[in-house]
Amino acid sequence: MTGLMMPTSDGLAEAPDSSLSKTAPWSASSPSNIRIGNRLRVIRESHGISEKEFSEQLAIDFRDLNSYESGERRVSASLLLRIAKLLNVRPDYFFQDFAKGPNF
């Protein structure tokens, strides 16, 4: 997070706290990203679509799809809408189990 400055109460900017956990809610490997990625993989596999085939349908690299499914990378809202449309599910399908755990 170099180069990002956070405002303080006195109006000065300071670097963010470097002790932030890598599993903070906004980090790529957060529990919510892992859950969304897992649901994506499960529904894709249930449709019998390979990573390669699905990534081609989405016009993304299959390695990116793998990163989304593993939770390493966050799926953007616009991509999630495209995914839901291709898999014929409502976008909220990816969030159905969020109320079940404390770390989402």
C-alpha atoms as a PDB file:
ATOM      1  CA  MET A   1       0.000   0.000   0.000  1.00  0.00           C
ATOM      2  CA  THR A   2       2.769   2.388  -0.784  1.00  0.00           C
ATOM      3  CA  GLY A   3       1.891   5.838  -1.975  1.00  0.00           C
ATOM      4  CA  LEU A   4      -1.557   5.809  -0.348  1.00  0.00           C
ATOM      5  CA  MET A   5      -1.952   8.500   2.276  1.00  0.00           C
ATOM      6  CA  MET A   6      -4.730   8.608   4.857  1.00  0.00           C
ATOM      7  CA  PRO A   7      -6.107  11.936   6.192  1.00  0.00           C
ATOM      8  CA  THR A   8      -5.820  12.629   9.901  1.00  0.00           C
ATOM      9  CA  SER A   9      -8.019  14.740  12.147  1.00  0.00           C
ATOM     10  CA  ASP A  10      -5.589  17.660  11.866  1.00  0.00           C
ATOM     11  CA  GLY A  11      -5.795  17.611   8.050  1.00  0.00           C
ATOM     12  CA  LEU A  12      -2.344  16.148   7.539  1.00  0.00           C
ATOM     13  CA  ALA A  13      -1.876  12.906   5.658  1.00  0.00           C
ATOM     14  CA  GLU A  14      -0.091   9.860   6.936  1.00  0.00           C
ATOM     15  CA  ALA A  15       0.729   6.435   5.583  1.00  0.00           C
ATOM     16  CA  PRO A  16      -1.787   3.704   6.472  1.00  0.00           C
ATOM     17  CA  ASP A  17      -1.068   1.300   9.304  1.00  0.00           C
ATOM     18  CA  SER A  18       1.239  -1.392   7.944  1.00  0.00           C
ATOM     19  CA  SER A  19       0.009  -3.844  10.583  1.00  0.00           C
ATOM     20  CA  LEU A  20      -3.332  -4.396   8.797  1.00  0.00           C
ATOM     21  CA  SER A  21      -4.094  -8.063   8.411  1.00  0.00           C
ATOM     22  CA  LYS A  22      -3.983  -9.626   4.966  1.00  0.00           C
ATOM     23  CA  THR A  23      -7.429 -11.042   5.670  1.00  0.00           C
ATOM     24  CA  ALA A  24      -9.052  -7.658   6.226  1.00  0.00           C
ATOM     25  CA  PRO A  25     -12.528  -7.515   4.605  1.00  0.00           C
ATOM     26  CA  TRP A  26     -11.235  -5.517   1.648  1.00  0.00           C
ATOM     27  CA  SER A  27      -8.204  -7.705   0.935  1.00  0.00           C
ATOM     28  CA  ALA A  28      -8.235 -10.079  -2.002  1.00  0.00           C
ATOM     29  CA  SER A  29      -8.028 -13.209   0.152  1.00  0.00           C
ATOM     30  CA  SER A  30     -10.776 -12.204   2.552  1.00  0.00           C
ATOM     31  CA  PRO A  31     -13.349 -14.807   3.617  1.00  0.00           C
ATOM     32  CA  SER A  32     -16.009 -13.104   1.493  1.00  0.00           C
ATOM     33  CA  ASN A  33     -13.893 -13.340  -1.661  1.00  0.00           C
ATOM     34  CA  ILE A  34     -13.134 -16.981  -0.919  1.00  0.00           C
ATOM     35  CA  ARG A  35     -16.861 -17.744  -0.459  1.00  0.00           C
ATOM     36  CA  ILE A  36     -17.837 -15.980  -3.680  1.00  0.00           C
ATOM     37  CA  GLY A  37     -15.039 -17.743  -5.561  1.00  0.00           C
ATOM     38  CA  ASN A  38     -16.046 -21.115  -4.184  1.00  0.00           C
ATOM     39  CA  ARG A  39     -19.681 -20.607  -5.176  1.00  0.00           C
ATOM     40  CA  LEU A  40     -18.512 -19.544  -8.634  1.00  0.00           C
ATOM     41  CA  ARG A  41     -16.450 -22.712  -9.029  1.00  0.00           C
ATOM     42  CA  VAL A  42     -19.260 -24.955  -7.752  1.00  0.00           C
ATOM     43  CA  ILE A  43     -21.915 -23.513 -10.070  1.00  0.00           C
ATOM     44  CA  ARG A  44     -19.544 -23.494 -13.060  1.00  0.00           C
ATOM     45  CA  GLU A  45     -18.633 -27.143 -12.476  1.00  0.00           C
ATOM     46  CA  SER A  46     -22.296 -28.082 -11.970  1.00  0.00           C
ATOM     47  CA  HIS A  47     -22.945 -26.703 -15.468  1.00  0.00           C
ATOM     48  CA  GLY A  48     -20.132 -28.910 -16.801  1.00  0.00           C
ATOM     49  CA  ILE A  49     -18.110 -25.932 -18.038  1.00  0.00           C
ATOM     50  CA  SER A  50     -14.317 -26.048 -17.897  1.00  0.00           C
ATOM     51  CA  GLU A  51     -12.251 -23.117 -16.636  1.00  0.00           C
ATOM     52  CA  LYS A  52     -10.861 -22.632 -20.128  1.00  0.00           C
ATOM     53  CA  GLU A  53     -14.284 -22.629 -21.792  1.00  0.00           C
ATOM     54  CA  PHE A  54     -15.824 -20.307 -19.199  1.00  0.00           C
ATOM     55  CA  SER A  55     -12.918 -17.886 -19.270  1.00  0.00           C
ATOM     56  CA  GLU A  56     -13.288 -17.691 -23.053  1.00  0.00           C
ATOM     57  CA  GLN A  57     -17.015 -16.946 -22.675  1.00  0.00           C
ATOM     58  CA  LEU A  58     -16.129 -14.153 -20.232  1.00  0.00           C
ATOM     59  CA  ALA A  59     -13.254 -12.909 -22.432  1.00  0.00           C
ATOM     60  CA  ILE A  60     -10.771 -13.212 -19.552  1.00  0.00           C
ATOM     61  CA  ASP A  61      -7.630 -15.285 -19.098  1.00  0.00           C
ATOM     62  CA  PHE A  62      -8.262 -18.699 -17.506  1.00  0.00           C
ATOM     63  CA  ARG A  63      -5.615 -17.865 -14.881  1.00  0.00           C
ATOM     64  CA  ASP A  64      -7.710 -14.860 -13.842  1.00  0.00           C
ATOM     65  CA  LEU A  65     -10.765 -17.082 -13.508  1.00  0.00           C
ATOM     66  CA  ASN A  66      -8.732 -19.456 -11.364  1.00  0.00           C
ATOM     67  CA  SER A  67      -7.682 -16.511  -9.170  1.00  0.00           C
ATOM     68  CA  TYR A  68     -11.311 -15.459  -8.745  1.00  0.00           C
ATOM     69  CA  GLU A  69     -12.434 -18.987  -7.906  1.00  0.00           C
ATOM     70  CA  SER A  70      -9.683 -19.418  -5.318  1.00  0.00           C
ATOM     71  CA  GLY A  71     -10.445 -16.060  -3.698  1.00  0.00           C
ATOM     72  CA  GLU A  72      -6.995 -14.678  -4.513  1.00  0.00           C
ATOM     73  CA  ARG A  73      -8.578 -11.886  -6.539  1.00  0.00           C
ATOM     74  CA  ARG A  74     -11.800  -9.993  -5.970  1.00  0.00           C
ATOM     75  CA  VAL A  75     -14.527 -10.326  -8.615  1.00  0.00           C
ATOM     76  CA  SER A  76     -15.801  -6.904  -9.713  1.00  0.00           C
ATOM     77  CA  ALA A  77     -19.528  -6.215  -9.629  1.00  0.00           C
ATOM     78  CA  SER A  78     -19.714  -5.913 -13.409  1.00  0.00           C
ATOM     79  CA  LEU A  79     -17.935  -9.237 -13.919  1.00  0.00           C
ATOM     80  CA  LEU A  80     -20.116 -10.906 -11.296  1.00  0.00           C
ATOM     81  CA  LEU A  81     -23.207  -9.751 -13.204  1.00  0.00           C
ATOM     82  CA  ARG A  82     -21.808 -11.216 -16.442  1.00  0.00           C
ATOM     83  CA  ILE A  83     -20.982 -14.472 -14.646  1.00  0.00           C
ATOM     84  CA  ALA A  84     -24.478 -14.707 -13.161  1.00  0.00           C
ATOM     85  CA  LYS A  85     -26.051 -14.134 -16.573  1.00  0.00           C
ATOM     86  CA  LEU A  86     -23.888 -16.795 -18.259  1.00  0.00           C
ATOM     87  CA  LEU A  87     -24.618 -19.325 -15.500  1.00  0.00           C
ATOM     88  CA  ASN A  88     -28.315 -18.430 -15.403  1.00  0.00           C
ATOM     89  CA  VAL A  89     -28.356 -17.550 -11.699  1.00  0.00           C
ATOM     90  CA  ARG A  90     -29.367 -14.407  -9.864  1.00  0.00           C
ATOM     91  CA  PRO A  91     -26.405 -12.295  -8.717  1.00  0.00           C
ATOM     92  CA  ASP A  92     -27.451 -12.786  -5.090  1.00  0.00           C
ATOM     93  CA  TYR A  93     -26.709 -16.506  -5.487  1.00  0.00           C
ATOM     94  CA  PHE A  94     -23.081 -15.666  -4.716  1.00  0.00           C
ATOM     95  CA  PHE A  95     -24.027 -14.071  -1.370  1.00  0.00           C
ATOM     96  CA  GLN A  96     -26.595 -16.574  -0.055  1.00  0.00           C
ATOM     97  CA  ASP A  97     -24.492 -18.050   2.753  1.00  0.00           C
ATOM     98  CA  PHE A  98     -22.962 -14.811   4.020  1.00  0.00           C
ATOM     99  CA  ALA A  99     -25.196 -14.623   7.086  1.00  0.00           C
ATOM    100  CA  LYS A 100     -23.927 -18.017   8.281  1.00  0.00           C
ATOM    101  CA  GLY A 101     -20.441 -16.937   9.292  1.00  0.00           C
ATOM    102  CA  PRO A 102     -18.906 -14.149  11.364  1.00  0.00           C
ATOM    103  CA  ASN A 103     -16.134 -13.314   8.863  1.00  0.00           C
ATOM    104  CA  PHE A 104     -17.632 -12.162   5.634  1.00  0.00           C
END
